[in-house]
Amino acid sequence: MEYRVLGWPADGPTLRLDYRQFSYAGKFVMSNTGKAVVRVDDETSAEEARGADDGDEFDRDVLAAVAFNEDRTDSGTLWIRYVTVRQDFRGDGLGPGLVAFLAERATGRGYRRLRIAVNNPFAYEALYKAGFAYTGRQTGLAELVLERQLGDECGEETDYRERGRYQSGLDVYRARDLGDDERAFLGSRVDADPPERIDAPERADV
C-alpha cells in the first residue's frame, strides 16, 4: 500500500470515491480541502482495483482518504474534516495509519497542531491511536475536539494523553443515547489507559 498526500488545500486536489463503498464520498470531490490517501501501489493490483471498465468514473485504487484544511484564524493549525475507509477495509487500521502519516507530513510543512472533531467513541479511539488527545472542547454539533501537537509543541503538556483526559471524553459519550455496540465498547474501556500510539507507516511517499 502507498500513503500519499495528493495535495494541500491551496492545490485544490479532488477525489472521485464510490459512494457505495465510502462514507462522505461527495465531500472529496470538493477542491477547497487538501487530500491524503492510502492506495494500492502494485501496478497489477491497482489496475484490478480501478476495474476493467475504462469509463469508470471513480478512483478505484484508493482504500482510505482524509480531507483537511487550515484553521480560519490560526495558520499553524490544520483541521481534518473527513476520514473515510473503503467498506471492505474498515477495521484494518488504515484510518489511524493515514492520519498518523498526515501528521508527519504536516509537521514538515511547519504546522504546529492537527485537530479533528469526532461524533462517536469508535472514531475517538481510532484518533487516540494516531496520537490525538481530547481537548475538553466540543463543537456546536456536539462533536468532541481532539488535537495532536506537532513538532516542538509536543512536549508542552506532560498530561496531554493521560488516562483522566482520555476517560473524560469517553464519559461524554457514556452520557448520550447510544447503540448497543457503542455502549459495549464504552463498557470495555472503563478505567482503561489510552490506546498505544501507532507509528506513521513506513511505506509512504516523501
N, C-alpha and C. Protein backbone atom coordinates (compact mmCIF):
# COMPACT_ATOMS: atom_id res chain seq x y z
N MET A 1 0.84 -1.20 0.00
CA MET A 1 0.00 0.00 0.00
C MET A 1 0.88 1.25 0.00
N GLU A 2 0.39 2.30 -0.58
CA GLU A 2 1.10 3.56 -0.66
C GLU A 2 0.31 4.64 0.06
N TYR A 3 1.00 5.40 0.92
CA TYR A 3 0.41 6.54 1.61
C TYR A 3 0.93 7.79 0.92
N ARG A 4 0.03 8.68 0.54
CA ARG A 4 0.47 9.84 -0.24
C ARG A 4 -0.44 11.05 0.03
N VAL A 5 0.19 12.22 0.13
CA VAL A 5 -0.56 13.48 0.12
C VAL A 5 -0.76 13.86 -1.34
N LEU A 6 -2.01 13.89 -1.78
CA LEU A 6 -2.30 14.24 -3.16
C LEU A 6 -2.15 15.73 -3.41
N GLY A 7 -2.36 16.52 -2.37
CA GLY A 7 -2.24 17.96 -2.50
C GLY A 7 -2.67 18.64 -1.21
N TRP A 8 -2.13 19.84 -0.97
CA TRP A 8 -2.50 20.64 0.18
C TRP A 8 -3.68 21.53 -0.20
N PRO A 9 -4.33 22.17 0.76
CA PRO A 9 -5.56 22.90 0.44
C PRO A 9 -5.43 23.87 -0.74
N ALA A 10 -4.32 24.58 -0.81
CA ALA A 10 -4.14 25.55 -1.90
C ALA A 10 -4.03 24.89 -3.26
N ASP A 11 -3.70 23.61 -3.28
CA ASP A 11 -3.55 22.89 -4.55
C ASP A 11 -4.89 22.50 -5.17
N GLY A 12 -5.92 22.43 -4.34
CA GLY A 12 -7.26 22.09 -4.84
C GLY A 12 -7.42 20.67 -5.37
N PRO A 13 -6.84 19.66 -4.72
CA PRO A 13 -6.99 18.29 -5.23
C PRO A 13 -8.41 17.77 -5.04
N THR A 14 -8.81 16.86 -5.91
CA THR A 14 -10.14 16.24 -5.80
C THR A 14 -10.01 14.73 -5.92
N LEU A 15 -11.01 14.02 -5.38
CA LEU A 15 -11.08 12.57 -5.48
C LEU A 15 -12.49 12.16 -5.87
N ARG A 16 -12.59 11.11 -6.65
CA ARG A 16 -13.89 10.59 -7.05
C ARG A 16 -14.07 9.22 -6.40
N LEU A 17 -14.69 9.21 -5.23
CA LEU A 17 -14.88 7.98 -4.47
C LEU A 17 -16.28 7.43 -4.70
N ASP A 18 -16.38 6.14 -4.74
CA ASP A 18 -17.67 5.47 -4.95
C ASP A 18 -18.51 5.60 -3.69
N TYR A 19 -19.64 6.26 -3.80
CA TYR A 19 -20.50 6.50 -2.63
C TYR A 19 -21.05 5.21 -2.04
N ARG A 20 -21.00 4.12 -2.80
CA ARG A 20 -21.48 2.83 -2.29
C ARG A 20 -20.44 2.15 -1.41
N GLN A 21 -19.19 2.61 -1.46
CA GLN A 21 -18.11 1.99 -0.71
C GLN A 21 -17.48 2.90 0.33
N PHE A 22 -17.67 4.22 0.19
CA PHE A 22 -17.05 5.19 1.09
C PHE A 22 -18.09 6.11 1.69
N SER A 23 -17.97 6.36 2.99
CA SER A 23 -18.76 7.41 3.63
C SER A 23 -18.20 8.77 3.19
N TYR A 24 -19.05 9.78 3.17
CA TYR A 24 -18.65 11.16 2.83
C TYR A 24 -18.05 11.28 1.43
N ALA A 25 -18.36 10.36 0.53
CA ALA A 25 -17.73 10.36 -0.79
C ALA A 25 -17.87 11.71 -1.49
N GLY A 26 -19.03 12.33 -1.38
CA GLY A 26 -19.26 13.59 -2.06
C GLY A 26 -18.38 14.73 -1.57
N LYS A 27 -17.91 14.65 -0.33
CA LYS A 27 -17.07 15.70 0.23
C LYS A 27 -15.69 15.74 -0.42
N PHE A 28 -15.25 14.63 -0.97
CA PHE A 28 -13.90 14.56 -1.53
C PHE A 28 -13.83 15.07 -2.96
N VAL A 29 -14.97 15.37 -3.56
CA VAL A 29 -14.99 15.99 -4.88
C VAL A 29 -14.67 17.48 -4.77
N MET A 30 -14.91 18.05 -3.60
CA MET A 30 -14.69 19.48 -3.38
C MET A 30 -13.20 19.79 -3.45
N SER A 31 -12.86 20.94 -4.01
CA SER A 31 -11.45 21.31 -4.20
C SER A 31 -10.93 22.27 -3.14
N ASN A 32 -11.71 22.54 -2.09
CA ASN A 32 -11.29 23.50 -1.08
C ASN A 32 -10.58 22.86 0.10
N THR A 33 -10.27 21.56 0.01
CA THR A 33 -9.52 20.88 1.07
C THR A 33 -8.36 20.11 0.47
N GLY A 34 -7.31 19.92 1.28
CA GLY A 34 -6.23 19.04 0.88
C GLY A 34 -6.69 17.60 0.99
N LYS A 35 -5.98 16.69 0.36
CA LYS A 35 -6.35 15.28 0.37
C LYS A 35 -5.10 14.41 0.56
N ALA A 36 -5.25 13.37 1.38
CA ALA A 36 -4.22 12.34 1.51
C ALA A 36 -4.92 10.99 1.41
N VAL A 37 -4.21 10.00 0.88
CA VAL A 37 -4.86 8.71 0.62
C VAL A 37 -3.95 7.54 0.96
N VAL A 38 -4.58 6.40 1.16
CA VAL A 38 -3.92 5.10 1.09
C VAL A 38 -4.42 4.45 -0.19
N ARG A 39 -3.51 3.97 -1.00
CA ARG A 39 -3.96 3.36 -2.24
C ARG A 39 -3.09 2.15 -2.58
N VAL A 40 -3.59 1.32 -3.46
CA VAL A 40 -2.86 0.15 -3.93
C VAL A 40 -1.65 0.64 -4.71
N ASP A 41 -0.45 0.10 -4.39
CA ASP A 41 0.74 0.58 -5.07
C ASP A 41 1.31 -0.42 -6.07
N ASP A 42 0.81 -1.66 -6.06
CA ASP A 42 1.24 -2.63 -7.06
C ASP A 42 0.49 -2.36 -8.37
N GLU A 43 1.21 -2.26 -9.48
CA GLU A 43 0.60 -1.84 -10.74
C GLU A 43 -0.54 -2.76 -11.17
N THR A 44 -0.33 -4.07 -11.06
CA THR A 44 -1.37 -5.01 -11.47
C THR A 44 -2.59 -4.90 -10.57
N SER A 45 -2.33 -4.86 -9.26
CA SER A 45 -3.44 -4.75 -8.30
C SER A 45 -4.18 -3.44 -8.48
N ALA A 46 -3.44 -2.39 -8.80
CA ALA A 46 -4.07 -1.09 -8.99
C ALA A 46 -5.02 -1.12 -10.18
N GLU A 47 -4.59 -1.78 -11.25
CA GLU A 47 -5.46 -1.88 -12.42
C GLU A 47 -6.73 -2.67 -12.10
N GLU A 48 -6.56 -3.74 -11.31
CA GLU A 48 -7.72 -4.53 -10.91
C GLU A 48 -8.64 -3.72 -10.02
N ALA A 49 -8.04 -2.92 -9.12
CA ALA A 49 -8.84 -2.11 -8.21
C ALA A 49 -9.63 -1.04 -8.96
N ARG A 50 -9.04 -0.52 -10.03
CA ARG A 50 -9.73 0.50 -10.81
C ARG A 50 -10.90 -0.07 -11.60
N GLY A 51 -10.84 -1.38 -11.88
CA GLY A 51 -11.90 -2.02 -12.64
C GLY A 51 -11.57 -2.12 -14.11
N ALA A 52 -12.21 -3.04 -14.77
CA ALA A 52 -11.92 -3.29 -16.18
C ALA A 52 -12.51 -2.23 -17.09
N ASP A 53 -13.50 -1.53 -16.62
CA ASP A 53 -14.18 -0.53 -17.45
C ASP A 53 -13.37 0.76 -17.49
N ASP A 54 -12.81 1.09 -18.64
CA ASP A 54 -12.00 2.30 -18.76
C ASP A 54 -12.83 3.56 -18.53
N GLY A 55 -14.15 3.42 -18.66
CA GLY A 55 -15.01 4.57 -18.46
C GLY A 55 -15.45 4.76 -17.02
N ASP A 56 -14.93 3.97 -16.11
CA ASP A 56 -15.29 4.07 -14.69
C ASP A 56 -14.93 5.46 -14.17
N GLU A 57 -15.88 6.12 -13.54
CA GLU A 57 -15.65 7.49 -13.08
C GLU A 57 -14.96 7.58 -11.73
N PHE A 58 -14.79 6.46 -11.02
CA PHE A 58 -14.28 6.50 -9.66
C PHE A 58 -12.79 6.14 -9.59
N ASP A 59 -12.12 6.66 -8.54
CA ASP A 59 -10.72 6.33 -8.27
C ASP A 59 -10.70 5.02 -7.49
N ARG A 60 -10.63 3.91 -8.21
CA ARG A 60 -10.79 2.59 -7.62
C ARG A 60 -9.58 2.12 -6.82
N ASP A 61 -8.41 2.72 -7.03
CA ASP A 61 -7.23 2.26 -6.31
C ASP A 61 -7.12 2.84 -4.91
N VAL A 62 -8.02 3.74 -4.52
CA VAL A 62 -8.00 4.36 -3.20
C VAL A 62 -8.69 3.45 -2.18
N LEU A 63 -8.00 3.23 -1.05
CA LEU A 63 -8.54 2.40 0.02
C LEU A 63 -9.00 3.23 1.22
N ALA A 64 -8.40 4.39 1.42
CA ALA A 64 -8.77 5.29 2.51
C ALA A 64 -8.36 6.70 2.12
N ALA A 65 -9.04 7.69 2.69
CA ALA A 65 -8.74 9.07 2.34
C ALA A 65 -9.07 10.00 3.50
N VAL A 66 -8.36 11.12 3.57
CA VAL A 66 -8.68 12.19 4.52
C VAL A 66 -8.72 13.51 3.76
N ALA A 67 -9.59 14.40 4.20
CA ALA A 67 -9.67 15.76 3.67
C ALA A 67 -9.38 16.73 4.80
N PHE A 68 -8.64 17.80 4.52
CA PHE A 68 -8.19 18.69 5.59
C PHE A 68 -7.99 20.10 5.06
N ASN A 69 -8.06 21.08 5.97
CA ASN A 69 -7.74 22.46 5.61
C ASN A 69 -7.24 23.22 6.82
N GLU A 70 -6.75 24.44 6.58
CA GLU A 70 -6.21 25.25 7.67
C GLU A 70 -7.33 25.87 8.49
N ASP A 71 -7.02 26.10 9.77
CA ASP A 71 -7.92 26.85 10.63
C ASP A 71 -8.07 28.27 10.08
N ARG A 72 -9.25 28.82 10.16
CA ARG A 72 -9.51 30.14 9.58
C ARG A 72 -8.74 31.25 10.26
N THR A 73 -8.44 31.09 11.55
CA THR A 73 -7.79 32.17 12.30
C THR A 73 -6.39 31.82 12.77
N ASP A 74 -5.96 30.59 12.58
CA ASP A 74 -4.63 30.16 13.04
C ASP A 74 -3.97 29.34 11.94
N SER A 75 -3.04 29.94 11.24
CA SER A 75 -2.40 29.27 10.11
C SER A 75 -1.49 28.12 10.54
N GLY A 76 -1.23 28.01 11.84
CA GLY A 76 -0.40 26.92 12.34
C GLY A 76 -1.19 25.67 12.68
N THR A 77 -2.51 25.74 12.52
CA THR A 77 -3.38 24.62 12.85
C THR A 77 -4.05 24.06 11.60
N LEU A 78 -3.99 22.75 11.47
CA LEU A 78 -4.63 22.06 10.35
C LEU A 78 -5.79 21.23 10.90
N TRP A 79 -6.95 21.33 10.27
CA TRP A 79 -8.13 20.57 10.68
C TRP A 79 -8.38 19.42 9.72
N ILE A 80 -8.56 18.23 10.25
CA ILE A 80 -9.03 17.10 9.44
C ILE A 80 -10.55 17.18 9.40
N ARG A 81 -11.10 17.29 8.22
CA ARG A 81 -12.55 17.45 8.07
C ARG A 81 -13.27 16.12 7.90
N TYR A 82 -12.67 15.22 7.15
CA TYR A 82 -13.31 13.92 6.90
C TYR A 82 -12.25 12.83 6.81
N VAL A 83 -12.58 11.68 7.39
CA VAL A 83 -11.78 10.46 7.25
C VAL A 83 -12.71 9.38 6.74
N THR A 84 -12.32 8.68 5.70
CA THR A 84 -13.16 7.61 5.16
C THR A 84 -12.30 6.43 4.74
N VAL A 85 -12.81 5.24 4.99
CA VAL A 85 -12.11 4.00 4.63
C VAL A 85 -13.07 3.15 3.81
N ARG A 86 -12.55 2.53 2.76
CA ARG A 86 -13.41 1.69 1.93
C ARG A 86 -14.05 0.60 2.78
N GLN A 87 -15.29 0.31 2.52
CA GLN A 87 -16.10 -0.56 3.37
C GLN A 87 -15.42 -1.89 3.69
N ASP A 88 -14.80 -2.52 2.71
CA ASP A 88 -14.21 -3.84 2.93
C ASP A 88 -12.84 -3.79 3.58
N PHE A 89 -12.34 -2.58 3.92
CA PHE A 89 -11.05 -2.45 4.60
C PHE A 89 -11.20 -1.82 5.98
N ARG A 90 -12.42 -1.59 6.42
CA ARG A 90 -12.62 -1.00 7.74
C ARG A 90 -12.22 -1.97 8.83
N GLY A 91 -11.61 -1.43 9.88
CA GLY A 91 -11.13 -2.27 10.98
C GLY A 91 -9.72 -2.77 10.80
N ASP A 92 -9.08 -2.40 9.68
CA ASP A 92 -7.71 -2.84 9.41
C ASP A 92 -6.66 -1.81 9.82
N GLY A 93 -7.08 -0.71 10.42
CA GLY A 93 -6.13 0.29 10.89
C GLY A 93 -5.69 1.30 9.84
N LEU A 94 -6.34 1.31 8.68
CA LEU A 94 -5.92 2.25 7.64
C LEU A 94 -6.20 3.70 8.02
N GLY A 95 -7.32 3.94 8.69
CA GLY A 95 -7.67 5.30 9.08
C GLY A 95 -6.65 5.92 10.02
N PRO A 96 -6.38 5.29 11.18
CA PRO A 96 -5.37 5.84 12.08
C PRO A 96 -3.99 5.95 11.44
N GLY A 97 -3.63 4.96 10.62
CA GLY A 97 -2.34 5.00 9.96
C GLY A 97 -2.21 6.18 9.01
N LEU A 98 -3.27 6.45 8.26
CA LEU A 98 -3.25 7.57 7.32
C LEU A 98 -3.19 8.90 8.07
N VAL A 99 -3.91 9.01 9.17
CA VAL A 99 -3.88 10.24 9.95
C VAL A 99 -2.49 10.45 10.56
N ALA A 100 -1.87 9.38 11.06
CA ALA A 100 -0.51 9.49 11.60
C ALA A 100 0.47 9.92 10.51
N PHE A 101 0.28 9.39 9.31
CA PHE A 101 1.10 9.78 8.17
C PHE A 101 0.93 11.26 7.86
N LEU A 102 -0.32 11.73 7.84
CA LEU A 102 -0.58 13.14 7.58
C LEU A 102 0.06 14.03 8.64
N ALA A 103 0.05 13.58 9.90
CA ALA A 103 0.65 14.36 10.98
C ALA A 103 2.14 14.59 10.72
N GLU A 104 2.83 13.58 10.24
CA GLU A 104 4.25 13.73 9.94
C GLU A 104 4.46 14.71 8.79
N ARG A 105 3.64 14.60 7.76
CA ARG A 105 3.78 15.50 6.62
C ARG A 105 3.42 16.93 7.01
N ALA A 106 2.42 17.09 7.87
CA ALA A 106 2.04 18.43 8.33
C ALA A 106 3.16 19.06 9.16
N THR A 107 3.83 18.25 9.95
CA THR A 107 4.97 18.75 10.72
C THR A 107 6.04 19.30 9.78
N GLY A 108 6.31 18.56 8.72
CA GLY A 108 7.29 19.00 7.74
C GLY A 108 6.91 20.29 7.03
N ARG A 109 5.63 20.59 6.99
CA ARG A 109 5.14 21.83 6.37
C ARG A 109 5.09 22.99 7.35
N GLY A 110 5.48 22.74 8.61
CA GLY A 110 5.53 23.80 9.59
C GLY A 110 4.30 23.98 10.44
N TYR A 111 3.31 23.09 10.32
CA TYR A 111 2.13 23.18 11.18
C TYR A 111 2.48 22.78 12.60
N ARG A 112 1.82 23.39 13.58
CA ARG A 112 2.10 23.15 14.99
C ARG A 112 1.11 22.20 15.64
N ARG A 113 -0.07 22.08 15.06
CA ARG A 113 -1.06 21.18 15.65
C ARG A 113 -2.04 20.72 14.57
N LEU A 114 -2.62 19.55 14.86
CA LEU A 114 -3.60 18.93 13.97
C LEU A 114 -4.84 18.65 14.80
N ARG A 115 -6.02 19.03 14.31
CA ARG A 115 -7.25 18.86 15.08
C ARG A 115 -8.31 18.13 14.26
N ILE A 116 -9.23 17.53 14.98
CA ILE A 116 -10.36 16.86 14.35
C ILE A 116 -11.52 16.84 15.34
N ALA A 117 -12.74 16.88 14.85
CA ALA A 117 -13.94 16.78 15.69
C ALA A 117 -14.63 15.46 15.37
N VAL A 118 -14.91 14.65 16.40
CA VAL A 118 -15.48 13.32 16.18
C VAL A 118 -16.80 13.18 16.93
N ASN A 119 -17.69 12.36 16.37
CA ASN A 119 -19.04 12.26 16.93
C ASN A 119 -19.38 10.87 17.47
N ASN A 120 -18.39 9.97 17.57
CA ASN A 120 -18.68 8.64 18.11
C ASN A 120 -17.44 8.06 18.79
N PRO A 121 -17.62 7.14 19.74
CA PRO A 121 -16.49 6.62 20.50
C PRO A 121 -15.51 5.79 19.68
N PHE A 122 -15.95 5.19 18.59
CA PHE A 122 -15.03 4.40 17.76
C PHE A 122 -14.02 5.30 17.07
N ALA A 123 -14.50 6.43 16.54
CA ALA A 123 -13.59 7.40 15.93
C ALA A 123 -12.67 8.01 16.98
N TYR A 124 -13.22 8.26 18.16
CA TYR A 124 -12.43 8.80 19.27
C TYR A 124 -11.25 7.88 19.58
N GLU A 125 -11.51 6.59 19.68
CA GLU A 125 -10.47 5.61 19.98
C GLU A 125 -9.44 5.54 18.85
N ALA A 126 -9.92 5.54 17.62
CA ALA A 126 -9.01 5.47 16.47
C ALA A 126 -8.07 6.67 16.43
N LEU A 127 -8.59 7.85 16.74
CA LEU A 127 -7.74 9.04 16.71
C LEU A 127 -6.75 9.05 17.87
N TYR A 128 -7.12 8.47 19.00
CA TYR A 128 -6.14 8.34 20.09
C TYR A 128 -4.98 7.47 19.64
N LYS A 129 -5.26 6.43 18.87
CA LYS A 129 -4.19 5.58 18.35
C LYS A 129 -3.26 6.35 17.42
N ALA A 130 -3.79 7.36 16.77
CA ALA A 130 -3.00 8.18 15.86
C ALA A 130 -2.30 9.33 16.57
N GLY A 131 -2.34 9.34 17.91
CA GLY A 131 -1.60 10.34 18.66
C GLY A 131 -2.38 11.55 19.11
N PHE A 132 -3.70 11.54 18.93
CA PHE A 132 -4.53 12.67 19.34
C PHE A 132 -4.96 12.53 20.80
N ALA A 133 -5.46 13.62 21.36
CA ALA A 133 -6.00 13.61 22.72
C ALA A 133 -7.17 14.57 22.80
N TYR A 134 -8.08 14.30 23.71
CA TYR A 134 -9.27 15.13 23.89
C TYR A 134 -8.86 16.48 24.48
N THR A 135 -9.40 17.55 23.91
CA THR A 135 -9.07 18.90 24.38
C THR A 135 -10.00 19.39 25.48
N GLY A 136 -11.11 18.68 25.71
CA GLY A 136 -12.11 19.15 26.65
C GLY A 136 -13.16 20.04 26.00
N ARG A 137 -13.00 20.30 24.72
CA ARG A 137 -13.94 21.17 24.00
C ARG A 137 -14.84 20.36 23.07
N GLN A 138 -16.01 20.94 22.78
CA GLN A 138 -16.95 20.34 21.84
C GLN A 138 -17.38 21.39 20.82
N THR A 139 -17.78 20.93 19.65
CA THR A 139 -18.30 21.84 18.64
C THR A 139 -19.78 22.08 18.89
N GLY A 140 -20.37 22.99 18.11
CA GLY A 140 -21.80 23.24 18.22
C GLY A 140 -22.64 22.06 17.80
N LEU A 141 -22.02 21.09 17.12
CA LEU A 141 -22.72 19.88 16.70
C LEU A 141 -22.50 18.74 17.69
N ALA A 142 -22.01 19.07 18.88
CA ALA A 142 -21.77 18.08 19.95
C ALA A 142 -20.67 17.09 19.58
N GLU A 143 -19.77 17.49 18.71
CA GLU A 143 -18.61 16.66 18.40
C GLU A 143 -17.48 16.99 19.37
N LEU A 144 -16.71 16.00 19.75
CA LEU A 144 -15.59 16.21 20.64
C LEU A 144 -14.36 16.60 19.83
N VAL A 145 -13.66 17.65 20.27
CA VAL A 145 -12.49 18.14 19.56
C VAL A 145 -11.24 17.46 20.12
N LEU A 146 -10.50 16.79 19.25
CA LEU A 146 -9.24 16.15 19.60
C LEU A 146 -8.10 16.86 18.89
N GLU A 147 -6.93 16.81 19.50
CA GLU A 147 -5.79 17.54 18.96
C GLU A 147 -4.51 16.71 19.08
N ARG A 148 -3.67 16.81 18.08
CA ARG A 148 -2.32 16.25 18.16
C ARG A 148 -1.34 17.39 17.98
N GLN A 149 -0.46 17.58 18.95
CA GLN A 149 0.56 18.61 18.84
C GLN A 149 1.70 18.09 17.97
N LEU A 150 2.27 18.99 17.19
CA LEU A 150 3.28 18.61 16.22
C LEU A 150 4.61 19.32 16.51
N GLY A 151 5.69 18.72 16.10
CA GLY A 151 7.00 19.35 16.20
C GLY A 151 7.36 19.73 17.62
N ASP A 152 7.81 20.98 17.79
CA ASP A 152 8.27 21.46 19.10
C ASP A 152 7.13 21.59 20.10
N GLU A 153 5.88 21.56 19.64
CA GLU A 153 4.74 21.69 20.54
C GLU A 153 4.50 20.43 21.36
N CYS A 154 5.08 19.31 20.95
CA CYS A 154 4.73 18.01 21.54
C CYS A 154 5.01 17.93 23.03
N GLY A 155 6.03 18.61 23.51
CA GLY A 155 6.41 18.46 24.91
C GLY A 155 5.80 19.47 25.84
N GLU A 156 4.85 20.28 25.37
CA GLU A 156 4.33 21.36 26.20
C GLU A 156 3.44 20.87 27.33
N GLU A 157 2.70 19.79 27.13
CA GLU A 157 1.78 19.31 28.15
C GLU A 157 2.13 17.87 28.51
N THR A 158 2.63 17.67 29.74
CA THR A 158 3.04 16.33 30.14
C THR A 158 1.85 15.40 30.33
N ASP A 159 0.66 15.97 30.60
CA ASP A 159 -0.52 15.14 30.82
C ASP A 159 -1.40 15.06 29.58
N TYR A 160 -0.85 15.39 28.44
CA TYR A 160 -1.65 15.53 27.22
C TYR A 160 -2.44 14.27 26.91
N ARG A 161 -1.83 13.09 27.15
CA ARG A 161 -2.51 11.84 26.83
C ARG A 161 -2.69 10.97 28.08
N GLU A 162 -2.87 11.58 29.21
CA GLU A 162 -3.03 10.78 30.42
C GLU A 162 -4.45 10.22 30.51
N ARG A 163 -4.63 9.24 31.41
CA ARG A 163 -5.88 8.49 31.47
C ARG A 163 -7.09 9.35 31.81
N GLY A 164 -6.94 10.30 32.74
CA GLY A 164 -8.07 11.12 33.13
C GLY A 164 -8.66 11.90 31.96
N ARG A 165 -7.80 12.46 31.15
CA ARG A 165 -8.25 13.22 29.98
C ARG A 165 -8.96 12.28 28.99
N TYR A 166 -8.37 11.13 28.76
CA TYR A 166 -8.95 10.14 27.85
C TYR A 166 -10.33 9.70 28.33
N GLN A 167 -10.44 9.38 29.62
CA GLN A 167 -11.71 8.92 30.17
C GLN A 167 -12.77 10.02 30.19
N SER A 168 -12.35 11.27 30.34
CA SER A 168 -13.33 12.36 30.37
C SER A 168 -14.06 12.48 29.04
N GLY A 169 -13.37 12.20 27.94
CA GLY A 169 -14.03 12.19 26.65
C GLY A 169 -14.99 11.03 26.51
N LEU A 170 -14.57 9.86 26.96
CA LEU A 170 -15.45 8.69 26.92
C LEU A 170 -16.69 8.91 27.79
N ASP A 171 -16.52 9.63 28.90
CA ASP A 171 -17.66 9.91 29.77
C ASP A 171 -18.71 10.77 29.06
N VAL A 172 -18.27 11.65 28.19
CA VAL A 172 -19.22 12.45 27.41
C VAL A 172 -20.11 11.54 26.58
N TYR A 173 -19.50 10.55 25.95
CA TYR A 173 -20.28 9.60 25.15
C TYR A 173 -21.17 8.72 26.03
N ARG A 174 -20.67 8.35 27.20
CA ARG A 174 -21.45 7.49 28.10
C ARG A 174 -22.75 8.15 28.52
N ALA A 175 -22.77 9.47 28.54
CA ALA A 175 -23.97 10.20 28.97
C ALA A 175 -24.98 10.36 27.83
N ARG A 176 -24.66 9.87 26.65
CA ARG A 176 -25.53 10.04 25.49
C ARG A 176 -26.33 8.77 25.21
N ASP A 177 -27.36 8.94 24.41
CA ASP A 177 -28.20 7.82 23.98
C ASP A 177 -27.52 7.14 22.80
N LEU A 178 -26.88 6.00 23.04
CA LEU A 178 -26.08 5.33 22.03
C LEU A 178 -26.62 3.94 21.72
N GLY A 179 -26.11 3.35 20.66
CA GLY A 179 -26.49 2.00 20.30
C GLY A 179 -25.80 0.96 21.16
N ASP A 180 -26.22 -0.29 21.01
CA ASP A 180 -25.67 -1.37 21.82
C ASP A 180 -24.17 -1.56 21.60
N ASP A 181 -23.72 -1.49 20.36
CA ASP A 181 -22.30 -1.69 20.07
C ASP A 181 -21.45 -0.61 20.72
N GLU A 182 -21.92 0.63 20.66
CA GLU A 182 -21.17 1.73 21.26
C GLU A 182 -21.13 1.59 22.78
N ARG A 183 -22.26 1.20 23.37
CA ARG A 183 -22.28 1.05 24.83
C ARG A 183 -21.38 -0.10 25.27
N ALA A 184 -21.37 -1.18 24.52
CA ALA A 184 -20.50 -2.30 24.85
C ALA A 184 -19.03 -1.89 24.76
N PHE A 185 -18.70 -1.12 23.75
CA PHE A 185 -17.32 -0.65 23.62
C PHE A 185 -16.94 0.25 24.79
N LEU A 186 -17.81 1.19 25.13
CA LEU A 186 -17.52 2.09 26.24
C LEU A 186 -17.37 1.33 27.55
N GLY A 187 -18.19 0.28 27.73
CA GLY A 187 -18.07 -0.54 28.92
C GLY A 187 -16.73 -1.26 28.99
N SER A 188 -16.20 -1.63 27.84
CA SER A 188 -14.92 -2.34 27.81
C SER A 188 -13.74 -1.42 28.10
N ARG A 189 -13.96 -0.09 28.05
CA ARG A 189 -12.86 0.87 28.25
C ARG A 189 -12.92 1.56 29.60
N VAL A 190 -13.79 1.11 30.50
CA VAL A 190 -13.87 1.71 31.83
C VAL A 190 -12.53 1.55 32.55
N ASP A 191 -12.00 2.67 33.05
CA ASP A 191 -10.74 2.71 33.80
C ASP A 191 -9.52 2.32 32.96
N ALA A 192 -9.68 2.24 31.66
CA ALA A 192 -8.56 1.85 30.79
C ALA A 192 -7.66 3.05 30.50
N ASP A 193 -6.40 2.76 30.23
CA ASP A 193 -5.48 3.78 29.75
C ASP A 193 -5.74 4.05 28.27
N PRO A 194 -5.28 5.17 27.75
CA PRO A 194 -5.41 5.41 26.31
C PRO A 194 -4.70 4.32 25.52
N PRO A 195 -5.18 4.02 24.32
CA PRO A 195 -4.51 3.00 23.50
C PRO A 195 -3.11 3.47 23.12
N GLU A 196 -2.25 2.52 22.86
CA GLU A 196 -0.88 2.84 22.48
C GLU A 196 -0.86 3.58 21.15
N ARG A 197 -0.03 4.59 21.10
CA ARG A 197 0.09 5.39 19.88
C ARG A 197 0.84 4.61 18.80
N ILE A 198 0.31 4.61 17.59
CA ILE A 198 0.96 3.90 16.49
C ILE A 198 1.96 4.81 15.79
N ASP A 199 2.90 4.21 15.10
CA ASP A 199 3.86 4.96 14.30
C ASP A 199 3.28 5.22 12.92
N ALA A 200 3.76 6.26 12.27
CA ALA A 200 3.35 6.51 10.89
C ALA A 200 3.85 5.37 10.02
N PRO A 201 3.10 4.97 9.01
CA PRO A 201 3.51 3.87 8.14
C PRO A 201 4.86 4.13 7.49
N GLU A 202 5.64 3.06 7.35
CA GLU A 202 6.97 3.19 6.74
C GLU A 202 6.88 3.31 5.23
N ARG A 203 5.95 2.59 4.62
CA ARG A 203 5.85 2.60 3.16
C ARG A 203 5.00 3.77 2.72
N ALA A 204 5.65 4.90 2.53
CA ALA A 204 4.94 6.11 2.17
C ALA A 204 5.79 6.94 1.23
N ASP A 205 5.15 7.88 0.57
CA ASP A 205 5.91 8.77 -0.30
C ASP A 205 6.66 9.78 0.54
N VAL A 206 7.56 10.52 -0.05
CA VAL A 206 8.33 11.54 0.66
C VAL A 206 7.82 12.92 0.27
